[in-house]
Amino acid sequence: MIRPFALAATLLVAVPALAADLGVKKPTPVAPVSAACKETKALPADAFGFATGSDVADLGSWGIALDTAASNGLRGGTTYNVSPVVQVSGSFFPCFEVGPFVTLGYTHSKAYNTGTVTRTTSIGGGVEMKYKLLGRATHGVGLTFAVTPSFGNTDVSPGANSGFFGNSFRLLADAELIKGKLYGALNVELFQNWTDSTPFAKASTFAVRGALTTPVTDALYVGGELSYQRAYTGAWLNSYQAYAIYIGPTFFWQINDKFTLNGTWAYQVAGDGKTNPTRALGIDNFSRHLARLKLGYAF
């Protein structure tokens, strides 16, 4: 039977990760800019897959995006999840980007041993807030801190409704490794989730993501991403449950001056779980496959 915690962990990883940066198109600077929050050359924040670059929206620039994540594959049955997010993002203050969002979710699971089918739907919202601490142009490394509180309701059929509150803290770094040819990003993340169920449930995930990307043309970036993720019960990494390592390709396409499209697919290549420590992969808690596709529009 598929464990309820596995479903909760799947939603926990998917929803915060979706509330991501829009990669708002940056206008060409017309004058010298400050050291911290603007760059002499913009790097799309969405060029790295699930990982995120350090750039934030320029003051007064805004965009909207449809960001959809999907996952499938948990131990004990067949499970898939689709979670679209609509987010508006922009800047009222220098170095600071704000992005309110609305998210939906649908999970379909079937247990091998009983044939029981469970359908879970969710609706929620939140706001992503990012502040840029360092700029690549002056420090060689871009560094941004992001926090993303969210809330919503989950309906399990057969089952009952429950509310949830989520939050994430992320440290986003990137650098130009080979001038004009190769860029790298490193993210350190903590995702938290509180579920108003019986009994009250708390869960958290710690993740480290590394990604490389290269511009094939002025409009197209391709690369790859590697991530290491650990699942815990408790909101502050209290009790270890499982880990997973993912690897996969990424792309970013600047379609025109207004539209962008980016995506990634990640495959779990290693992991384990506390309940099945001798079994390969951490698919009691983490999905086997993760994917993301995002369409953005700059105002």
C-alpha atoms as a PDB file:
ATOM      1  CA  MET A   1       0.000   0.000   0.000  1.00  0.00           C
ATOM      2  CA  ILE A   2       1.274   3.445  -0.822  1.00  0.00           C
ATOM      3  CA  ARG A   3       2.018   5.293   2.383  1.00  0.00           C
ATOM      4  CA  PRO A   4       0.256   8.646   3.066  1.00  0.00           C
ATOM      5  CA  PHE A   5       3.609  10.158   3.948  1.00  0.00           C
ATOM      6  CA  ALA A   6       4.914   9.301   0.479  1.00  0.00           C
ATOM      7  CA  LEU A   7       2.098  11.298  -1.089  1.00  0.00           C
ATOM      8  CA  ALA A   8       2.686  14.183   1.284  1.00  0.00           C
ATOM      9  CA  ALA A   9       6.385  14.172   0.454  1.00  0.00           C
ATOM     10  CA  THR A  10       5.627  14.164  -3.272  1.00  0.00           C
ATOM     11  CA  LEU A  11       3.401  17.223  -2.894  1.00  0.00           C
ATOM     12  CA  LEU A  12       5.925  18.864  -0.588  1.00  0.00           C
ATOM     13  CA  VAL A  13       8.691  18.615  -3.151  1.00  0.00           C
ATOM     14  CA  ALA A  14       6.526  19.552  -6.122  1.00  0.00           C
ATOM     15  CA  VAL A  15       4.655  22.601  -4.839  1.00  0.00           C
ATOM     16  CA  PRO A  16       7.501  24.711  -3.419  1.00  0.00           C
ATOM     17  CA  ALA A  17       9.717  23.846  -6.319  1.00  0.00           C
ATOM     18  CA  LEU A  18       7.093  25.123  -8.697  1.00  0.00           C
ATOM     19  CA  ALA A  19       6.806  28.474  -7.027  1.00  0.00           C
ATOM     20  CA  ALA A  20       9.906  29.531  -8.854  1.00  0.00           C
ATOM     21  CA  ASP A  21      11.343  32.580 -10.507  1.00  0.00           C
ATOM     22  CA  LEU A  22       9.861  33.850 -13.730  1.00  0.00           C
ATOM     23  CA  GLY A  23      13.133  34.773 -15.397  1.00  0.00           C
ATOM     24  CA  VAL A  24      11.617  38.126 -16.359  1.00  0.00           C
ATOM     25  CA  LYS A  25      13.280  39.559 -19.448  1.00  0.00           C
ATOM     26  CA  LYS A  26      15.754  42.256 -18.451  1.00  0.00           C
ATOM     27  CA  PRO A  27      16.065  45.485 -20.447  1.00  0.00           C
ATOM     28  CA  THR A  28      19.581  46.521 -21.478  1.00  0.00           C
ATOM     29  CA  PRO A  29      21.039  48.851 -18.811  1.00  0.00           C
ATOM     30  CA  VAL A  30      21.283  52.450 -20.024  1.00  0.00           C
ATOM     31  CA  ALA A  31      23.591  53.665 -17.245  1.00  0.00           C
ATOM     32  CA  PRO A  32      26.096  52.239 -14.744  1.00  0.00           C
ATOM     33  CA  VAL A  33      24.245  50.098 -12.208  1.00  0.00           C
ATOM     34  CA  SER A  34      24.708  49.238  -8.528  1.00  0.00           C
ATOM     35  CA  ALA A  35      27.036  46.446  -7.515  1.00  0.00           C
ATOM     36  CA  ALA A  36      24.540  44.141  -5.835  1.00  0.00           C
ATOM     37  CA  CYS A  37      21.258  43.824  -7.670  1.00  0.00           C
ATOM     38  CA  LYS A  38      21.976  44.447 -11.358  1.00  0.00           C
ATOM     39  CA  GLU A  39      24.359  42.861 -13.803  1.00  0.00           C
ATOM     40  CA  THR A  40      26.174  44.187 -16.842  1.00  0.00           C
ATOM     41  CA  LYS A  41      24.956  41.012 -18.583  1.00  0.00           C
ATOM     42  CA  ALA A  42      21.722  39.291 -17.557  1.00  0.00           C
ATOM     43  CA  LEU A  43      21.582  35.504 -17.127  1.00  0.00           C
ATOM     44  CA  PRO A  44      18.085  33.942 -17.252  1.00  0.00           C
ATOM     45  CA  ALA A  45      17.195  32.695 -13.767  1.00  0.00           C
ATOM     46  CA  ASP A  46      15.345  29.764 -15.414  1.00  0.00           C
ATOM     47  CA  ALA A  47      18.307  28.582 -17.502  1.00  0.00           C
ATOM     48  CA  PHE A  48      19.225  25.845 -14.975  1.00  0.00           C
ATOM     49  CA  GLY A  49      16.152  23.562 -14.764  1.00  0.00           C
ATOM     50  CA  PHE A  50      14.784  23.039 -11.239  1.00  0.00           C
ATOM     51  CA  ALA A  51      17.772  25.000  -9.948  1.00  0.00           C
ATOM     52  CA  THR A  52      17.456  28.791 -10.065  1.00  0.00           C
ATOM     53  CA  GLY A  53      19.905  31.530 -10.969  1.00  0.00           C
ATOM     54  CA  SER A  54      20.530  34.581  -8.794  1.00  0.00           C
ATOM     55  CA  ASP A  55      19.129  37.307 -11.072  1.00  0.00           C
ATOM     56  CA  VAL A  56      16.030  39.178  -9.885  1.00  0.00           C
ATOM     57  CA  ALA A  57      13.609  41.359 -11.837  1.00  0.00           C
ATOM     58  CA  ASP A  58      14.760  44.892 -12.636  1.00  0.00           C
ATOM     59  CA  LEU A  59      12.896  47.695 -10.888  1.00  0.00           C
ATOM     60  CA  GLY A  60       9.518  48.194 -12.584  1.00  0.00           C
ATOM     61  CA  SER A  61       9.669  45.065 -14.787  1.00  0.00           C
ATOM     62  CA  TRP A  62       6.900  42.429 -14.556  1.00  0.00           C
ATOM     63  CA  GLY A  63       6.002  39.085 -16.070  1.00  0.00           C
ATOM     64  CA  ILE A  64       3.600  36.172 -15.808  1.00  0.00           C
ATOM     65  CA  ALA A  65       4.223  32.443 -16.223  1.00  0.00           C
ATOM     66  CA  LEU A  66       2.497  29.081 -16.345  1.00  0.00           C
ATOM     67  CA  ASP A  67       4.850  26.677 -14.569  1.00  0.00           C
ATOM     68  CA  THR A  68       3.866  22.987 -14.588  1.00  0.00           C
ATOM     69  CA  ALA A  69       5.636  20.162 -12.776  1.00  0.00           C
ATOM     70  CA  ALA A  70       4.875  16.456 -13.041  1.00  0.00           C
ATOM     71  CA  SER A  71       6.160  13.356 -11.280  1.00  0.00           C
ATOM     72  CA  ASN A  72       5.515   9.624 -11.253  1.00  0.00           C
ATOM     73  CA  GLY A  73       6.783   6.427  -9.690  1.00  0.00           C
ATOM     74  CA  LEU A  74       6.518   5.499  -5.994  1.00  0.00           C
ATOM     75  CA  ARG A  75       7.054   2.058  -4.416  1.00  0.00           C
ATOM     76  CA  GLY A  76       3.947  -0.051  -3.823  1.00  0.00           C
ATOM     77  CA  GLY A  77       1.906   1.044  -6.819  1.00  0.00           C
ATOM     78  CA  THR A  78       1.540   3.487  -9.667  1.00  0.00           C
ATOM     79  CA  THR A  79       1.455   7.178  -8.835  1.00  0.00           C
ATOM     80  CA  TYR A  80       1.591  10.328 -10.905  1.00  0.00           C
ATOM     81  CA  ASN A  81       1.204  13.984  -9.981  1.00  0.00           C
ATOM     82  CA  VAL A  82       0.615  17.128 -12.058  1.00  0.00           C
ATOM     83  CA  SER A  83       0.912  20.570 -10.433  1.00  0.00           C
ATOM     84  CA  PRO A  84       0.401  23.720 -12.548  1.00  0.00           C
ATOM     85  CA  VAL A  85       1.236  27.129 -11.060  1.00  0.00           C
ATOM     86  CA  VAL A  86       0.329  30.604 -12.342  1.00  0.00           C
ATOM     87  CA  GLN A  87       2.650  33.305 -11.023  1.00  0.00           C
ATOM     88  CA  VAL A  88       3.032  37.046 -11.548  1.00  0.00           C
ATOM     89  CA  SER A  89       6.467  38.396 -10.661  1.00  0.00           C
ATOM     90  CA  GLY A  90       8.191  41.755 -10.647  1.00  0.00           C
ATOM     91  CA  SER A  91       9.937  44.430  -8.613  1.00  0.00           C
ATOM     92  CA  PHE A  92       8.783  47.436  -6.587  1.00  0.00           C
ATOM     93  CA  PHE A  93      12.192  48.015  -4.965  1.00  0.00           C
ATOM     94  CA  PRO A  94      15.799  47.633  -6.169  1.00  0.00           C
ATOM     95  CA  CYS A  95      17.295  44.167  -5.562  1.00  0.00           C
ATOM     96  CA  PHE A  96      13.915  42.780  -4.417  1.00  0.00           C
ATOM     97  CA  GLU A  97      11.539  40.592  -6.463  1.00  0.00           C
ATOM     98  CA  VAL A  98       8.062  39.523  -5.367  1.00  0.00           C
ATOM     99  CA  GLY A  99       5.978  36.808  -7.040  1.00  0.00           C
ATOM    100  CA  PRO A 100       2.478  35.905  -5.831  1.00  0.00           C
ATOM    101  CA  PHE A 101       1.177  32.621  -7.241  1.00  0.00           C
ATOM    102  CA  VAL A 102      -1.797  30.252  -7.372  1.00  0.00           C
ATOM    103  CA  THR A 103      -1.186  26.510  -7.535  1.00  0.00           C
ATOM    104  CA  LEU A 104      -3.294  23.452  -8.333  1.00  0.00           C
ATOM    105  CA  GLY A 105      -2.412  19.801  -7.899  1.00  0.00           C
ATOM    106  CA  TYR A 106      -3.720  16.387  -8.909  1.00  0.00           C
ATOM    107  CA  THR A 107      -2.306  13.027  -7.773  1.00  0.00           C
ATOM    108  CA  HIS A 108      -3.563   9.612  -8.917  1.00  0.00           C
ATOM    109  CA  SER A 109      -2.358   6.499  -7.074  1.00  0.00           C
ATOM    110  CA  LYS A 110      -3.147   2.797  -7.354  1.00  0.00           C
ATOM    111  CA  ALA A 111      -1.834   0.261  -4.815  1.00  0.00           C
ATOM    112  CA  TYR A 112      -0.501  -2.992  -6.271  1.00  0.00           C
ATOM    113  CA  ASN A 113      -1.537  -5.227  -3.359  1.00  0.00           C
ATOM    114  CA  THR A 114      -5.172  -4.066  -2.993  1.00  0.00           C
ATOM    115  CA  GLY A 115      -5.973  -2.303  -6.250  1.00  0.00           C
ATOM    116  CA  THR A 116      -7.195   0.703  -4.244  1.00  0.00           C
ATOM    117  CA  VAL A 117      -7.254   3.925  -6.259  1.00  0.00           C
ATOM    118  CA  THR A 118      -6.707   7.230  -4.478  1.00  0.00           C
ATOM    119  CA  ARG A 119      -7.202  10.624  -6.104  1.00  0.00           C
ATOM    120  CA  THR A 120      -5.878  13.735  -4.416  1.00  0.00           C
ATOM    121  CA  THR A 121      -6.607  17.300  -5.506  1.00  0.00           C
ATOM    122  CA  SER A 122      -5.192  20.462  -4.000  1.00  0.00           C
ATOM    123  CA  ILE A 123      -5.520  24.210  -4.417  1.00  0.00           C
ATOM    124  CA  GLY A 124      -3.423  26.873  -2.805  1.00  0.00           C
ATOM    125  CA  GLY A 125      -1.412  30.014  -3.162  1.00  0.00           C
ATOM    126  CA  GLY A 126       1.502  31.934  -1.774  1.00  0.00           C
ATOM    127  CA  VAL A 127       4.161  34.488  -2.529  1.00  0.00           C
ATOM    128  CA  GLU A 128       7.819  34.134  -3.453  1.00  0.00           C
ATOM    129  CA  MET A 129      10.143  36.880  -2.197  1.00  0.00           C
ATOM    130  CA  LYS A 130      13.763  37.177  -3.324  1.00  0.00           C
ATOM    131  CA  TYR A 131      16.498  39.612  -2.349  1.00  0.00           C
ATOM    132  CA  LYS A 132      19.796  39.793  -4.223  1.00  0.00           C
ATOM    133  CA  LEU A 133      22.819  40.010  -1.937  1.00  0.00           C
ATOM    134  CA  LEU A 134      25.746  39.857  -4.401  1.00  0.00           C
ATOM    135  CA  GLY A 135      26.152  40.548  -8.108  1.00  0.00           C
ATOM    136  CA  ARG A 136      28.298  38.538 -10.538  1.00  0.00           C
ATOM    137  CA  ALA A 137      29.640  41.677 -12.206  1.00  0.00           C
ATOM    138  CA  THR A 138      31.479  42.884  -9.098  1.00  0.00           C
ATOM    139  CA  HIS A 139      31.885  39.776  -6.915  1.00  0.00           C
ATOM    140  CA  GLY A 140      32.267  37.033  -9.526  1.00  0.00           C
ATOM    141  CA  VAL A 141      29.385  35.164  -7.900  1.00  0.00           C
ATOM    142  CA  GLY A 142      25.706  36.119  -7.806  1.00  0.00           C
ATOM    143  CA  LEU A 143      23.907  35.358  -4.528  1.00  0.00           C
ATOM    144  CA  THR A 144      20.199  35.674  -3.709  1.00  0.00           C
ATOM    145  CA  PHE A 145      18.092  34.683  -0.702  1.00  0.00           C
ATOM    146  CA  ALA A 146      14.487  33.536  -1.314  1.00  0.00           C
ATOM    147  CA  VAL A 147      11.609  32.693   1.023  1.00  0.00           C
ATOM    148  CA  THR A 148       8.252  31.312  -0.180  1.00  0.00           C
ATOM    149  CA  PRO A 149       5.328  30.906   2.254  1.00  0.00           C
ATOM    150  CA  SER A 150       2.260  29.093   0.867  1.00  0.00           C
ATOM    151  CA  PHE A 151      -1.041  27.650   2.021  1.00  0.00           C
ATOM    152  CA  GLY A 152      -3.961  25.634   0.639  1.00  0.00           C
ATOM    153  CA  ASN A 153      -6.354  22.733   0.949  1.00  0.00           C
ATOM    154  CA  THR A 154      -6.024  19.064  -0.038  1.00  0.00           C
ATOM    155  CA  ASP A 155      -8.962  16.755  -0.810  1.00  0.00           C
ATOM    156  CA  VAL A 156      -8.273  13.002  -0.771  1.00  0.00           C
ATOM    157  CA  SER A 157     -10.867  10.703  -2.351  1.00  0.00           C
ATOM    158  CA  PRO A 158     -11.659   8.371  -0.663  1.00  0.00           C
ATOM    159  CA  GLY A 159     -10.613  10.279   2.454  1.00  0.00           C
ATOM    160  CA  ALA A 160     -11.052  13.712   3.933  1.00  0.00           C
ATOM    161  CA  ASN A 161     -10.128  17.346   3.397  1.00  0.00           C
ATOM    162  CA  SER A 162      -7.107  18.838   5.128  1.00  0.00           C
ATOM    163  CA  GLY A 163      -5.430  22.213   5.059  1.00  0.00           C
ATOM    164  CA  PHE A 164      -1.722  22.719   4.645  1.00  0.00           C
ATOM    165  CA  PHE A 165       0.841  25.433   5.170  1.00  0.00           C
ATOM    166  CA  GLY A 166       4.193  25.348   3.426  1.00  0.00           C
ATOM    167  CA  ASN A 167       7.356  27.395   3.418  1.00  0.00           C
ATOM    168  CA  SER A 168      10.760  27.290   1.785  1.00  0.00           C
ATOM    169  CA  PHE A 169      14.114  28.972   2.373  1.00  0.00           C
ATOM    170  CA  ARG A 170      16.538  28.950  -0.566  1.00  0.00           C
ATOM    171  CA  LEU A 171      20.038  30.309  -1.133  1.00  0.00           C
ATOM    172  CA  LEU A 172      20.653  30.780  -4.874  1.00  0.00           C
ATOM    173  CA  ALA A 173      24.162  31.214  -6.272  1.00  0.00           C
ATOM    174  CA  ASP A 174      25.484  31.355  -9.847  1.00  0.00           C
ATOM    175  CA  ALA A 175      28.661  32.261 -11.691  1.00  0.00           C
ATOM    176  CA  GLU A 176      30.121  32.650 -15.188  1.00  0.00           C
ATOM    177  CA  LEU A 177      32.606  29.766 -15.275  1.00  0.00           C
ATOM    178  CA  ILE A 178      33.894  30.284 -18.822  1.00  0.00           C
ATOM    179  CA  LYS A 179      33.276  33.760 -20.180  1.00  0.00           C
ATOM    180  CA  GLY A 180      30.303  33.718 -22.518  1.00  0.00           C
ATOM    181  CA  LYS A 181      30.345  29.913 -22.782  1.00  0.00           C
ATOM    182  CA  LEU A 182      29.531  28.164 -19.499  1.00  0.00           C
ATOM    183  CA  TYR A 183      27.480  29.127 -16.443  1.00  0.00           C
ATOM    184  CA  GLY A 184      26.909  27.277 -13.192  1.00  0.00           C
ATOM    185  CA  ALA A 185      24.343  27.470 -10.394  1.00  0.00           C
ATOM    186  CA  LEU A 186      24.224  26.059  -6.868  1.00  0.00           C
ATOM    187  CA  ASN A 187      21.050  26.081  -4.713  1.00  0.00           C
ATOM    188  CA  VAL A 188      20.713  25.103  -1.049  1.00  0.00           C
ATOM    189  CA  GLU A 189      17.056  24.624  -0.048  1.00  0.00           C
ATOM    190  CA  LEU A 190      14.819  23.792   2.898  1.00  0.00           C
ATOM    191  CA  PHE A 191      11.150  22.959   2.200  1.00  0.00           C
ATOM    192  CA  GLN A 192       8.665  22.709   5.082  1.00  0.00           C
ATOM    193  CA  ASN A 193       5.074  21.462   5.210  1.00  0.00           C
ATOM    194  CA  TRP A 194       2.439  21.401   7.970  1.00  0.00           C
ATOM    195  CA  THR A 195      -0.757  19.389   7.292  1.00  0.00           C
ATOM    196  CA  ASP A 196      -3.959  19.898   9.291  1.00  0.00           C
ATOM    197  CA  SER A 197      -4.861  16.217   9.439  1.00  0.00           C
ATOM    198  CA  THR A 198      -5.463  13.566  12.107  1.00  0.00           C
ATOM    199  CA  PRO A 199      -2.864  13.273  13.444  1.00  0.00           C
ATOM    200  CA  PHE A 200      -1.298  16.668  12.679  1.00  0.00           C
ATOM    201  CA  ALA A 201       1.630  16.060  10.320  1.00  0.00           C
ATOM    202  CA  LYS A 202       4.859  17.948   9.747  1.00  0.00           C
ATOM    203  CA  ALA A 203       7.455  17.169   7.087  1.00  0.00           C
ATOM    204  CA  SER A 204      10.539  18.780   5.581  1.00  0.00           C
ATOM    205  CA  THR A 205      12.970  18.267   2.726  1.00  0.00           C
ATOM    206  CA  PHE A 206      16.580  19.411   2.408  1.00  0.00           C
ATOM    207  CA  ALA A 207      17.990  19.734  -1.104  1.00  0.00           C
ATOM    208  CA  VAL A 208      21.240  20.744  -2.795  1.00  0.00           C
ATOM    209  CA  ARG A 209      21.108  21.366  -6.551  1.00  0.00           C
ATOM    210  CA  GLY A 210      23.946  21.968  -8.963  1.00  0.00           C
ATOM    211  CA  ALA A 211      23.523  22.826 -12.638  1.00  0.00           C
ATOM    212  CA  LEU A 212      25.548  23.817 -15.689  1.00  0.00           C
ATOM    213  CA  THR A 213      24.256  25.521 -18.820  1.00  0.00           C
ATOM    214  CA  THR A 214      25.763  26.854 -22.034  1.00  0.00           C
ATOM    215  CA  PRO A 215      24.367  29.221 -24.685  1.00  0.00           C
ATOM    216  CA  VAL A 216      24.059  27.351 -27.980  1.00  0.00           C
ATOM    217  CA  THR A 217      22.740  30.527 -29.604  1.00  0.00           C
ATOM    218  CA  ASP A 218      21.810  33.947 -28.214  1.00  0.00           C
ATOM    219  CA  ALA A 219      18.305  32.574 -27.589  1.00  0.00           C
ATOM    220  CA  LEU A 220      18.905  28.944 -26.556  1.00  0.00           C
ATOM    221  CA  TYR A 221      20.644  27.480 -23.488  1.00  0.00           C
ATOM    222  CA  VAL A 222      21.123  23.744 -22.866  1.00  0.00           C
ATOM    223  CA  GLY A 223      22.644  21.997 -19.878  1.00  0.00           C
ATOM    224  CA  GLY A 224      22.232  19.487 -17.088  1.00  0.00           C
ATOM    225  CA  GLU A 225      21.301  19.372 -13.412  1.00  0.00           C
ATOM    226  CA  LEU A 226      22.212  17.143 -10.443  1.00  0.00           C
ATOM    227  CA  SER A 227      20.320  17.260  -7.140  1.00  0.00           C
ATOM    228  CA  TYR A 228      20.592  15.556  -3.749  1.00  0.00           C
ATOM    229  CA  GLN A 229      17.423  15.515  -1.616  1.00  0.00           C
ATOM    230  CA  ARG A 230      16.650  14.214   1.879  1.00  0.00           C
ATOM    231  CA  ALA A 231      13.166  13.766   3.390  1.00  0.00           C
ATOM    232  CA  TYR A 232      12.373  14.100   7.092  1.00  0.00           C
ATOM    233  CA  THR A 233       9.424  14.078   9.429  1.00  0.00           C
ATOM    234  CA  GLY A 234       9.187  17.283  11.444  1.00  0.00           C
ATOM    235  CA  ALA A 235       9.391  20.804  10.065  1.00  0.00           C
ATOM    236  CA  TRP A 236      13.091  21.237  10.877  1.00  0.00           C
ATOM    237  CA  LEU A 237      14.680  18.024   9.553  1.00  0.00           C
ATOM    238  CA  ASN A 238      13.838  16.165  12.781  1.00  0.00           C
ATOM    239  CA  SER A 239      13.778  12.480  11.771  1.00  0.00           C
ATOM    240  CA  TYR A 240      15.398  11.111   8.607  1.00  0.00           C
ATOM    241  CA  GLN A 241      13.136   9.161   6.211  1.00  0.00           C
ATOM    242  CA  ALA A 242      14.813   8.857   2.801  1.00  0.00           C
ATOM    243  CA  TYR A 243      17.197  10.377   0.276  1.00  0.00           C
ATOM    244  CA  ALA A 244      17.276  10.581  -3.515  1.00  0.00           C
ATOM    245  CA  ILE A 245      19.743  11.702  -6.183  1.00  0.00           C
ATOM    246  CA  TYR A 246      18.419  13.025  -9.491  1.00  0.00           C
ATOM    247  CA  ILE A 247      20.134  13.865 -12.753  1.00  0.00           C
ATOM    248  CA  GLY A 248      18.732  15.193 -16.017  1.00  0.00           C
ATOM    249  CA  PRO A 249      18.968  17.606 -18.972  1.00  0.00           C
ATOM    250  CA  THR A 250      17.708  21.218 -19.084  1.00  0.00           C
ATOM    251  CA  PHE A 251      16.885  23.813 -21.728  1.00  0.00           C
ATOM    252  CA  PHE A 252      15.895  27.493 -21.900  1.00  0.00           C
ATOM    253  CA  TRP A 253      14.549  29.169 -25.064  1.00  0.00           C
ATOM    254  CA  GLN A 254      14.030  32.911 -25.486  1.00  0.00           C
ATOM    255  CA  ILE A 255      11.299  32.616 -28.126  1.00  0.00           C
ATOM    256  CA  ASN A 256      11.106  36.366 -28.764  1.00  0.00           C
ATOM    257  CA  ASP A 257      11.258  39.636 -26.796  1.00  0.00           C
ATOM    258  CA  LYS A 258       8.197  38.648 -24.754  1.00  0.00           C
ATOM    259  CA  PHE A 259       8.002  34.850 -24.486  1.00  0.00           C
ATOM    260  CA  THR A 260      10.333  32.262 -22.930  1.00  0.00           C
ATOM    261  CA  LEU A 261      10.055  28.494 -22.608  1.00  0.00           C
ATOM    262  CA  ASN A 262      12.160  26.293 -20.361  1.00  0.00           C
ATOM    263  CA  GLY A 263      12.020  22.740 -19.119  1.00  0.00           C
ATOM    264  CA  THR A 264      13.801  19.836 -17.510  1.00  0.00           C
ATOM    265  CA  TRP A 265      13.438  16.131 -16.754  1.00  0.00           C
ATOM    266  CA  ALA A 266      15.125  14.492 -13.755  1.00  0.00           C
ATOM    267  CA  TYR A 267      15.584  10.752 -13.155  1.00  0.00           C
ATOM    268  CA  GLN A 268      16.314   9.224  -9.740  1.00  0.00           C
ATOM    269  CA  VAL A 269      19.594   7.337 -10.063  1.00  0.00           C
ATOM    270  CA  ALA A 270      20.256   6.564  -6.385  1.00  0.00           C
ATOM    271  CA  GLY A 271      18.564   6.672  -2.994  1.00  0.00           C
ATOM    272  CA  ASP A 272      17.191   4.716  -0.071  1.00  0.00           C
ATOM    273  CA  GLY A 273      14.404   4.838   2.507  1.00  0.00           C
ATOM    274  CA  LYS A 274      14.181   4.290   6.242  1.00  0.00           C
ATOM    275  CA  THR A 275      11.330   1.790   5.859  1.00  0.00           C
ATOM    276  CA  ASN A 276      13.193  -0.197   3.152  1.00  0.00           C
ATOM    277  CA  PRO A 277      16.892   0.476   3.789  1.00  0.00           C
ATOM    278  CA  THR A 278      18.090  -2.487   1.714  1.00  0.00           C
ATOM    279  CA  ARG A 279      15.972  -1.640  -1.337  1.00  0.00           C
ATOM    280  CA  ALA A 280      17.412   0.424  -4.172  1.00  0.00           C
ATOM    281  CA  LEU A 281      16.187   4.001  -4.590  1.00  0.00           C
ATOM    282  CA  GLY A 282      14.217   6.223  -2.215  1.00  0.00           C
ATOM    283  CA  ILE A 283      10.870   5.751  -3.955  1.00  0.00           C
ATOM    284  CA  ASP A 284       8.935   5.249  -0.736  1.00  0.00           C
ATOM    285  CA  ASN A 285       9.184   9.026  -0.406  1.00  0.00           C
ATOM    286  CA  PHE A 286      10.521  10.457  -3.675  1.00  0.00           C
ATOM    287  CA  SER A 287       9.162   9.978  -7.194  1.00  0.00           C
ATOM    288  CA  ARG A 288      11.252   8.102  -9.765  1.00  0.00           C
ATOM    289  CA  HIS A 289      10.740  10.795 -12.425  1.00  0.00           C
ATOM    290  CA  LEU A 290      10.384  14.585 -12.128  1.00  0.00           C
ATOM    291  CA  ALA A 291       9.652  16.983 -14.977  1.00  0.00           C
ATOM    292  CA  ARG A 292       8.992  20.692 -15.429  1.00  0.00           C
ATOM    293  CA  LEU A 293       7.796  22.884 -18.320  1.00  0.00           C
ATOM    294  CA  LYS A 294       7.345  26.645 -17.964  1.00  0.00           C
ATOM    295  CA  LEU A 295       6.054  29.306 -20.353  1.00  0.00           C
ATOM    296  CA  GLY A 296       6.793  32.907 -19.385  1.00  0.00           C
ATOM    297  CA  TYR A 297       5.631  36.262 -20.737  1.00  0.00           C
ATOM    298  CA  ALA A 298       7.318  39.604 -19.972  1.00  0.00           C
ATOM    299  CA  PHE A 299       5.132  42.723 -19.910  1.00  0.00           C
END
